[in-house]
Amino acid sequence: MVKIAAVGDNVVDCYIAQSLMYPGGNCVNVSVFARRFGASSAYVGRVADDPAGLLIASALAEEGVDTTRLRRVDGHTAYCIIGHRGAERIFLDFDLGVSVFEPSLDDLAFLSGLDAAHVGQSSDLDRFIPDIANATSLSYDFSVRRDAAHREAIAPRCFLSSISGGDLRPEETDSIIEHLLRLGSRWVLVTRGGEGATLACAGETFKVAAAAARVKDTLGAGDTFIAGVLVALLRGEAPQEALAAAAAAAARTCEDFGAFGHAARLDVPAVQTNS
């Protein structure tokens, strides 16, 4: 069985209109979806000893994700306030809380026994990328960060580089893919919302249309794609089949609120005060 860990950001996504919060964050989401795609999955990160942190920890455990490297500390768990324009999610405000942390030597030793580790650019772990990439194969989500200097620092170490490219023109997408591959990324995934996704390696490009869905909320769809493609590539599956399976799973993610469910009553004092 493929073994993956996601290292870094977590958050509770706060839906004010519903008075509900959902566990989330790129790395939490990838760890859950990797498990749903059949991998052995772990999450490495830090939450507070508060209701939001308990929700994240319990949701991960219920999803079968290994939480032995999850810290519980004093403070408050990271949160993000979610709004919508139609079904498209909008990030209105956020607080990183205790989520920013430094991986320990024990964390790195843990990663060395796995097939891959996933890190998102929002995790503030770029200075540790060399250590993580030395421990295992690296999956990195550049999200919407586009500066070439950042790609040049990270991409040479990547097994899979992912980009959120729903706003990109086709020629911009092609240029970024070419740059990432030229820098040394083995695979590049660009998710493009309703336009589907593109997966590329040296000399080959694969595309998939977005799967049909009754869209309620797009939160977590890109993370679903990343997890599905990463697991499939590590298994040696055909890239086109990997894209199709990831597209179908991303469509299901869009059909409900929150990245992967597990709603709880909104219990983040700072959010309640601000709202």
Protein backbone atom coordinates (compact mmCIF):
# COMPACT_ATOMS: atom_id res chain seq x y z
CA MET A 1 0.00 0.00 0.00
CA VAL A 2 1.22 3.49 -0.89
CA LYS A 3 2.16 5.50 2.21
CA ILE A 4 1.70 9.28 2.23
CA ALA A 5 1.86 12.06 4.82
CA ALA A 6 0.65 15.64 4.49
CA VAL A 7 2.71 18.14 6.46
CA GLY A 8 1.57 21.62 7.37
CA ASP A 9 -1.56 23.72 7.33
CA ASN A 10 -4.88 22.99 8.95
CA VAL A 11 -7.91 25.16 9.56
CA VAL A 12 -11.56 25.09 10.47
CA ASP A 13 -13.58 26.56 7.62
CA CYS A 14 -16.27 28.73 9.17
CA TYR A 15 -19.57 29.06 7.32
CA ILE A 16 -21.14 31.96 9.15
CA ALA A 17 -24.51 31.75 7.40
CA GLN A 18 -24.88 28.14 8.56
CA SER A 19 -23.27 28.64 12.00
CA LEU A 20 -21.14 25.60 11.16
CA MET A 21 -17.44 24.87 10.97
CA TYR A 22 -15.74 22.14 8.95
CA PRO A 23 -12.23 20.68 9.26
CA GLY A 24 -10.00 21.67 6.36
CA GLY A 25 -6.80 23.21 5.09
CA ASN A 26 -4.85 21.96 2.08
CA CYS A 27 -2.73 19.44 3.98
CA VAL A 28 -5.54 18.10 6.13
CA ASN A 29 -7.70 17.71 3.02
CA VAL A 30 -4.98 15.93 1.04
CA SER A 31 -4.35 13.52 3.91
CA VAL A 32 -8.06 12.63 4.07
CA PHE A 33 -8.55 12.27 0.33
CA ALA A 34 -5.36 10.22 -0.01
CA ARG A 35 -6.85 7.80 2.52
CA ARG A 36 -10.13 7.74 0.61
CA PHE A 37 -8.18 6.88 -2.53
CA GLY A 38 -6.78 3.85 -0.70
CA ALA A 39 -3.40 5.05 0.54
CA SER A 40 -2.06 4.71 4.05
CA SER A 41 -2.20 8.35 5.12
CA ALA A 42 -0.81 10.45 7.97
CA TYR A 43 -1.06 14.09 8.95
CA VAL A 44 1.80 16.04 10.56
CA GLY A 45 0.86 19.38 12.08
CA ARG A 46 -0.35 21.31 15.08
CA VAL A 47 -3.75 22.33 16.46
CA ALA A 48 -4.84 23.95 19.69
CA ASP A 49 -6.52 22.22 22.58
CA ASP A 50 -9.87 23.82 21.77
CA PRO A 51 -13.16 22.75 20.10
CA ALA A 52 -11.84 23.55 16.61
CA GLY A 53 -8.69 21.51 17.20
CA LEU A 54 -10.73 18.64 18.59
CA LEU A 55 -12.91 18.70 15.47
CA ILE A 56 -9.87 18.43 13.17
CA ALA A 57 -8.27 15.66 15.24
CA SER A 58 -11.48 13.64 15.53
CA ALA A 59 -12.33 14.01 11.83
CA LEU A 60 -8.86 12.80 10.83
CA ALA A 61 -9.17 9.81 13.14
CA GLU A 62 -12.65 8.97 11.83
CA GLU A 63 -11.29 9.08 8.28
CA GLY A 64 -8.55 6.61 9.16
CA VAL A 65 -5.68 9.11 8.95
CA ASP A 66 -2.70 8.48 11.26
CA THR A 67 -2.51 11.35 13.78
CA THR A 68 0.45 10.18 15.85
CA ARG A 69 2.41 13.24 14.60
CA LEU A 70 -0.39 15.72 15.34
CA ARG A 71 0.45 18.08 18.22
CA ARG A 72 -2.15 19.57 20.58
CA VAL A 73 -0.93 22.84 22.14
CA ASP A 74 -2.23 25.92 23.96
CA GLY A 75 -3.62 28.79 21.91
CA HIS A 76 -6.30 28.78 19.22
CA THR A 77 -6.68 26.62 16.14
CA ALA A 78 -6.41 28.28 12.73
CA TYR A 79 -9.67 29.34 11.10
CA CYS A 80 -10.87 30.69 7.80
CA ILE A 81 -14.14 32.52 7.17
CA ILE A 82 -15.80 31.21 4.02
CA GLY A 83 -18.19 33.08 1.76
CA HIS A 84 -19.66 32.15 -1.60
CA ARG A 85 -20.26 33.73 -4.97
CA GLY A 86 -22.77 31.24 -6.30
CA ALA A 87 -21.20 27.88 -5.50
CA GLU A 88 -17.64 29.22 -5.80
CA ARG A 89 -16.02 29.55 -2.39
CA ILE A 90 -14.43 32.84 -1.36
CA PHE A 91 -11.93 33.27 1.48
CA LEU A 92 -13.08 36.33 3.45
CA ASP A 93 -10.68 36.30 6.40
CA PHE A 94 -8.33 33.96 8.24
CA ASP A 95 -6.14 33.53 11.31
CA LEU A 96 -3.28 31.03 11.29
CA GLY A 97 -3.50 30.40 15.04
CA VAL A 98 -1.04 27.72 16.14
CA SER A 99 -0.89 25.97 12.76
CA VAL A 100 2.56 27.31 11.77
CA PHE A 101 5.19 24.97 13.20
CA GLU A 102 8.65 23.54 12.59
CA PRO A 103 8.98 19.85 11.73
CA SER A 104 11.13 18.02 14.23
CA LEU A 105 13.91 15.54 13.52
CA ASP A 106 11.46 12.83 14.56
CA ASP A 107 8.96 14.13 12.00
CA LEU A 108 11.58 13.93 9.26
CA ALA A 109 12.56 10.45 10.33
CA PHE A 110 8.88 9.47 10.15
CA LEU A 111 8.64 10.84 6.60
CA SER A 112 11.67 8.86 5.51
CA GLY A 113 9.66 5.67 5.84
CA LEU A 114 6.93 6.87 3.45
CA ASP A 115 6.49 7.02 -0.31
CA ALA A 116 5.74 10.76 -0.40
CA ALA A 117 5.01 13.84 1.66
CA HIS A 118 2.68 16.63 0.59
CA VAL A 119 3.20 20.29 1.56
CA GLY A 120 1.16 23.35 0.57
CA GLN A 121 2.60 26.81 0.00
CA SER A 122 0.25 28.20 2.67
CA SER A 123 1.96 26.05 5.31
CA ASP A 124 4.96 28.40 5.68
CA LEU A 125 7.33 25.44 5.44
CA ASP A 126 9.39 26.45 2.40
CA ARG A 127 12.60 26.69 4.43
CA PHE A 128 12.15 23.02 5.38
CA ILE A 129 11.46 21.78 1.85
CA PRO A 130 15.07 20.57 1.33
CA ASP A 131 14.84 18.44 4.48
CA ILE A 132 11.42 17.04 3.55
CA ALA A 133 12.49 16.30 -0.04
CA ASN A 134 15.62 14.57 1.23
CA ALA A 135 13.44 12.35 3.40
CA THR A 136 10.94 11.25 0.72
CA SER A 137 9.33 12.19 -2.60
CA LEU A 138 7.79 15.66 -2.44
CA SER A 139 4.34 16.78 -3.55
CA TYR A 140 3.97 20.57 -3.38
CA ASP A 141 0.89 22.70 -3.95
CA PHE A 142 1.85 26.12 -5.33
CA SER A 143 -1.86 27.02 -5.23
CA VAL A 144 -2.25 30.49 -6.81
CA ARG A 145 1.29 31.66 -6.11
CA ARG A 146 2.87 32.46 -9.47
CA ASP A 147 6.26 34.14 -8.97
CA ALA A 148 8.99 32.46 -10.97
CA ALA A 149 11.59 32.80 -8.22
CA HIS A 150 9.42 30.73 -5.89
CA ARG A 151 9.03 28.02 -8.51
CA GLU A 152 12.79 28.01 -9.04
CA ALA A 153 13.37 27.42 -5.32
CA ILE A 154 10.87 24.58 -4.92
CA ALA A 155 10.21 22.83 -8.23
CA PRO A 156 13.60 21.11 -8.65
CA ARG A 157 12.80 19.00 -5.60
CA CYS A 158 9.24 18.02 -6.60
CA PHE A 159 7.88 14.66 -7.65
CA LEU A 160 4.51 16.41 -8.19
CA SER A 161 4.02 20.16 -8.51
CA SER A 162 0.41 21.36 -8.39
CA ILE A 163 -1.04 24.70 -9.49
CA SER A 164 -4.53 26.14 -9.05
CA GLY A 165 -5.08 27.66 -12.47
CA GLY A 166 -8.76 28.43 -12.90
CA ASP A 167 -7.89 32.05 -13.74
CA LEU A 168 -5.12 31.22 -16.23
CA ARG A 169 -5.34 31.53 -19.99
CA PRO A 170 -4.31 28.34 -21.87
CA GLU A 171 -1.01 29.87 -22.97
CA GLU A 172 -0.24 30.87 -19.36
CA THR A 173 -0.98 27.34 -18.21
CA ASP A 174 1.34 25.89 -20.85
CA SER A 175 4.11 28.32 -19.89
CA ILE A 176 3.96 27.46 -16.19
CA ILE A 177 3.88 23.73 -16.90
CA GLU A 178 6.91 24.03 -19.18
CA HIS A 179 8.78 26.06 -16.57
CA LEU A 180 8.10 23.60 -13.75
CA LEU A 181 9.15 20.62 -15.85
CA ARG A 182 12.27 22.39 -17.05
CA LEU A 183 13.19 23.12 -13.43
CA GLY A 184 13.02 19.43 -12.59
CA SER A 185 9.50 18.59 -11.39
CA ARG A 186 8.73 15.06 -12.52
CA TRP A 187 4.98 15.70 -12.82
CA VAL A 188 2.91 18.90 -12.99
CA LEU A 189 -0.82 19.09 -12.24
CA VAL A 190 -2.88 22.18 -13.07
CA THR A 191 -6.48 22.23 -11.86
CA ARG A 192 -8.75 24.64 -13.72
CA GLY A 193 -12.14 24.44 -12.00
CA GLY A 194 -14.93 23.97 -14.51
CA GLU A 195 -12.34 23.60 -17.29
CA GLY A 196 -11.03 20.35 -15.82
CA ALA A 197 -7.34 19.64 -15.27
CA THR A 198 -4.04 19.01 -17.03
CA LEU A 199 -1.30 16.61 -15.97
CA ALA A 200 2.10 16.69 -17.63
CA CYS A 201 5.51 15.06 -17.51
CA ALA A 202 8.46 15.43 -19.85
CA GLY A 203 7.18 14.82 -23.38
CA GLU A 204 3.54 14.00 -22.49
CA THR A 205 0.43 15.97 -21.55
CA PHE A 206 -2.89 14.57 -20.38
CA LYS A 207 -6.17 16.47 -20.01
CA VAL A 208 -9.54 15.74 -18.44
CA ALA A 209 -12.82 17.65 -18.50
CA ALA A 210 -14.58 18.49 -15.25
CA ALA A 211 -16.99 15.73 -14.28
CA ALA A 212 -20.68 16.56 -14.03
CA ALA A 213 -21.81 17.58 -10.55
CA ARG A 214 -24.64 19.31 -8.72
CA VAL A 215 -22.30 21.90 -7.30
CA LYS A 216 -23.00 23.30 -3.83
CA ASP A 217 -19.49 24.28 -2.74
CA THR A 218 -16.15 24.04 -4.57
CA LEU A 219 -14.05 24.01 -1.39
CA GLY A 220 -11.66 21.05 -1.40
CA ALA A 221 -12.08 20.10 -5.07
CA GLY A 222 -8.49 20.96 -5.98
CA ASP A 223 -7.15 19.09 -2.95
CA THR A 224 -9.18 16.05 -4.04
CA PHE A 225 -7.47 16.21 -7.44
CA ILE A 226 -4.02 16.47 -5.88
CA ALA A 227 -4.56 13.49 -3.59
CA GLY A 228 -6.04 11.30 -6.29
CA VAL A 229 -3.32 12.04 -8.82
CA LEU A 230 -0.51 11.68 -6.28
CA VAL A 231 -1.73 8.29 -5.05
CA ALA A 232 -2.24 7.03 -8.60
CA LEU A 233 1.19 8.15 -9.82
CA LEU A 234 2.92 6.54 -6.86
CA ARG A 235 1.07 3.32 -7.69
CA GLY A 236 2.25 3.54 -11.29
CA GLU A 237 -1.26 3.88 -12.69
CA ALA A 238 -1.96 5.29 -16.15
CA PRO A 239 -2.03 9.12 -16.00
CA GLN A 240 -5.24 9.48 -18.03
CA GLU A 241 -7.04 7.03 -15.76
CA ALA A 242 -5.68 8.86 -12.71
CA LEU A 243 -7.07 12.16 -13.99
CA ALA A 244 -10.49 10.66 -14.72
CA ALA A 245 -10.77 9.14 -11.25
CA ALA A 246 -9.64 12.38 -9.62
CA ALA A 247 -12.15 14.40 -11.65
CA ALA A 248 -14.99 12.13 -10.58
CA ALA A 249 -13.98 12.40 -6.91
CA ALA A 250 -13.60 16.20 -7.15
CA ALA A 251 -17.12 16.41 -8.55
CA ARG A 252 -18.44 14.53 -5.52
CA THR A 253 -16.54 16.90 -3.24
CA CYS A 254 -18.38 19.82 -4.85
CA GLU A 255 -21.77 18.33 -4.10
CA ASP A 256 -21.74 19.13 -0.39
CA PHE A 257 -20.50 21.84 1.94
CA GLY A 258 -17.03 21.69 3.49
CA ALA A 259 -14.04 19.96 1.98
CA PHE A 260 -14.88 16.50 3.34
CA GLY A 261 -17.80 16.91 5.73
CA HIS A 262 -17.71 16.44 9.52
CA ALA A 263 -19.62 19.65 10.27
CA ALA A 264 -19.86 20.91 13.85
CA ARG A 265 -21.53 23.87 15.47
CA LEU A 266 -19.42 26.97 14.96
CA ASP A 267 -17.34 27.34 18.12
CA VAL A 268 -14.54 29.79 17.34
CA PRO A 269 -14.82 32.74 19.74
CA ALA A 270 -12.88 35.18 17.56
CA VAL A 271 -15.19 34.47 14.61
CA GLN A 272 -18.31 34.82 16.71
CA THR A 273 -17.06 38.15 18.07
CA ASN A 274 -16.22 39.48 14.58
CA SER A 275 -19.46 38.32 13.02
